[in-house]
Amino acid sequence: MMSRPQAPYCQSMRWWCWLLVLLDLIPLLERSIVHSNDQHDRLVRAIRRGQPIAARAAMQEHLAGTAALLRGFLS
């Protein structure tokens, strides 16, 4: 299992602060990190190539997977 750096200190409780807290609840498994990195790579490649539809699809896939993972840990 990989170690996760601590989430930055949040001076206000904006939605992204809560997201960081929730993301810190996800165990860091090598397989999950590799999959997440692959999704980020797809997103960056699509942006660099000027492919907004592909970038949107990659981001939606990544967010849907992350949301499902968080729901699983919170239920």
C-alpha atoms as a PDB file:
ATOM      1  CA  MET A   1       0.000   0.000   0.000  1.00  0.00           C
ATOM      2  CA  MET A   2       1.289   3.480  -0.887  1.00  0.00           C
ATOM      3  CA  SER A   3       1.252   6.383   1.558  1.00  0.00           C
ATOM      4  CA  ARG A   4      -0.766   9.509   0.863  1.00  0.00           C
ATOM      5  CA  PRO A   5       0.538  12.988   1.583  1.00  0.00           C
ATOM      6  CA  GLN A   6      -1.636  14.917   4.012  1.00  0.00           C
ATOM      7  CA  ALA A   7      -4.357  17.094   2.490  1.00  0.00           C
ATOM      8  CA  PRO A   8      -3.494  20.782   2.684  1.00  0.00           C
ATOM      9  CA  TYR A   9      -4.940  22.711   5.595  1.00  0.00           C
ATOM     10  CA  CYS A  10      -8.279  24.280   4.699  1.00  0.00           C
ATOM     11  CA  GLN A  11      -8.889  27.706   6.171  1.00  0.00           C
ATOM     12  CA  SER A  12     -12.527  27.664   5.099  1.00  0.00           C
ATOM     13  CA  MET A  13     -14.873  24.740   4.602  1.00  0.00           C
ATOM     14  CA  ARG A  14     -15.522  25.122   0.890  1.00  0.00           C
ATOM     15  CA  TRP A  15     -16.748  22.160  -1.137  1.00  0.00           C
ATOM     16  CA  TRP A  16     -13.231  21.314  -2.260  1.00  0.00           C
ATOM     17  CA  CYS A  17     -12.078  21.061   1.341  1.00  0.00           C
ATOM     18  CA  TRP A  18     -14.741  18.454   1.970  1.00  0.00           C
ATOM     19  CA  LEU A  19     -13.689  16.665  -1.198  1.00  0.00           C
ATOM     20  CA  LEU A  20     -10.092  16.494   0.048  1.00  0.00           C
ATOM     21  CA  VAL A  21     -11.298  15.061   3.339  1.00  0.00           C
ATOM     22  CA  LEU A  22     -13.374  12.432   1.535  1.00  0.00           C
ATOM     23  CA  LEU A  23     -10.548  11.549  -0.848  1.00  0.00           C
ATOM     24  CA  ASP A  24      -8.275  10.998   2.130  1.00  0.00           C
ATOM     25  CA  LEU A  25     -10.667   8.254   3.258  1.00  0.00           C
ATOM     26  CA  ILE A  26      -9.906   6.158   0.162  1.00  0.00           C
ATOM     27  CA  PRO A  27      -7.251   3.524   0.828  1.00  0.00           C
ATOM     28  CA  LEU A  28      -4.274   3.898  -1.491  1.00  0.00           C
ATOM     29  CA  LEU A  29      -4.024   0.664  -3.429  1.00  0.00           C
ATOM     30  CA  GLU A  30      -1.436   0.358  -6.178  1.00  0.00           C
ATOM     31  CA  ARG A  31      -4.074  -0.805  -8.682  1.00  0.00           C
ATOM     32  CA  SER A  32      -6.290   2.211  -7.953  1.00  0.00           C
ATOM     33  CA  ILE A  33      -3.389   4.640  -8.286  1.00  0.00           C
ATOM     34  CA  VAL A  34      -2.348   3.149 -11.631  1.00  0.00           C
ATOM     35  CA  HIS A  35      -5.934   3.345 -12.910  1.00  0.00           C
ATOM     36  CA  SER A  36      -6.333   6.947 -11.725  1.00  0.00           C
ATOM     37  CA  ASN A  37      -3.012   7.940 -13.323  1.00  0.00           C
ATOM     38  CA  ASP A  38      -4.094   6.339 -16.609  1.00  0.00           C
ATOM     39  CA  GLN A  39      -7.305   8.369 -16.524  1.00  0.00           C
ATOM     40  CA  HIS A  40      -5.360  11.571 -15.836  1.00  0.00           C
ATOM     41  CA  ASP A  41      -3.000  10.773 -18.724  1.00  0.00           C
ATOM     42  CA  ARG A  42      -5.965  10.330 -21.089  1.00  0.00           C
ATOM     43  CA  LEU A  43      -7.380  13.659 -19.967  1.00  0.00           C
ATOM     44  CA  VAL A  44      -4.108  15.544 -20.422  1.00  0.00           C
ATOM     45  CA  ARG A  45      -3.463  13.980 -23.847  1.00  0.00           C
ATOM     46  CA  ALA A  46      -6.945  14.981 -25.030  1.00  0.00           C
ATOM     47  CA  ILE A  47      -6.445  18.549 -23.818  1.00  0.00           C
ATOM     48  CA  ARG A  48      -3.015  18.818 -25.464  1.00  0.00           C
ATOM     49  CA  ARG A  49      -4.437  17.493 -28.732  1.00  0.00           C
ATOM     50  CA  GLY A  50      -7.267  20.008 -28.664  1.00  0.00           C
ATOM     51  CA  GLN A  51      -9.934  17.308 -28.315  1.00  0.00           C
ATOM     52  CA  PRO A  52     -12.562  18.766 -25.984  1.00  0.00           C
ATOM     53  CA  ILE A  53     -15.044  15.901 -26.455  1.00  0.00           C
ATOM     54  CA  ALA A  54     -12.431  13.297 -25.550  1.00  0.00           C
ATOM     55  CA  ALA A  55     -11.253  15.435 -22.612  1.00  0.00           C
ATOM     56  CA  ARG A  56     -14.788  15.764 -21.317  1.00  0.00           C
ATOM     57  CA  ALA A  57     -15.378  12.016 -21.652  1.00  0.00           C
ATOM     58  CA  ALA A  58     -12.134  11.222 -19.799  1.00  0.00           C
ATOM     59  CA  MET A  59     -12.992  13.648 -17.000  1.00  0.00           C
ATOM     60  CA  GLN A  60     -16.555  12.356 -16.680  1.00  0.00           C
ATOM     61  CA  GLU A  61     -15.301   8.775 -16.485  1.00  0.00           C
ATOM     62  CA  HIS A  62     -12.768   9.704 -13.813  1.00  0.00           C
ATOM     63  CA  LEU A  63     -15.285  11.681 -11.733  1.00  0.00           C
ATOM     64  CA  ALA A  64     -17.931   8.953 -11.999  1.00  0.00           C
ATOM     65  CA  GLY A  65     -15.446   6.349 -10.812  1.00  0.00           C
ATOM     66  CA  THR A  66     -14.266   8.522  -7.933  1.00  0.00           C
ATOM     67  CA  ALA A  67     -17.868   9.278  -6.913  1.00  0.00           C
ATOM     68  CA  ALA A  68     -18.737   5.574  -6.954  1.00  0.00           C
ATOM     69  CA  LEU A  69     -15.685   4.795  -4.851  1.00  0.00           C
ATOM     70  CA  LEU A  70     -16.590   7.486  -2.302  1.00  0.00           C
ATOM     71  CA  ARG A  71     -20.213   6.316  -2.165  1.00  0.00           C
ATOM     72  CA  GLY A  72     -18.974   2.796  -1.467  1.00  0.00           C
ATOM     73  CA  PHE A  73     -16.866   3.964   1.461  1.00  0.00           C
ATOM     74  CA  LEU A  74     -19.568   6.215   2.876  1.00  0.00           C
ATOM     75  CA  SER A  75     -22.414   3.700   2.773  1.00  0.00           C
END
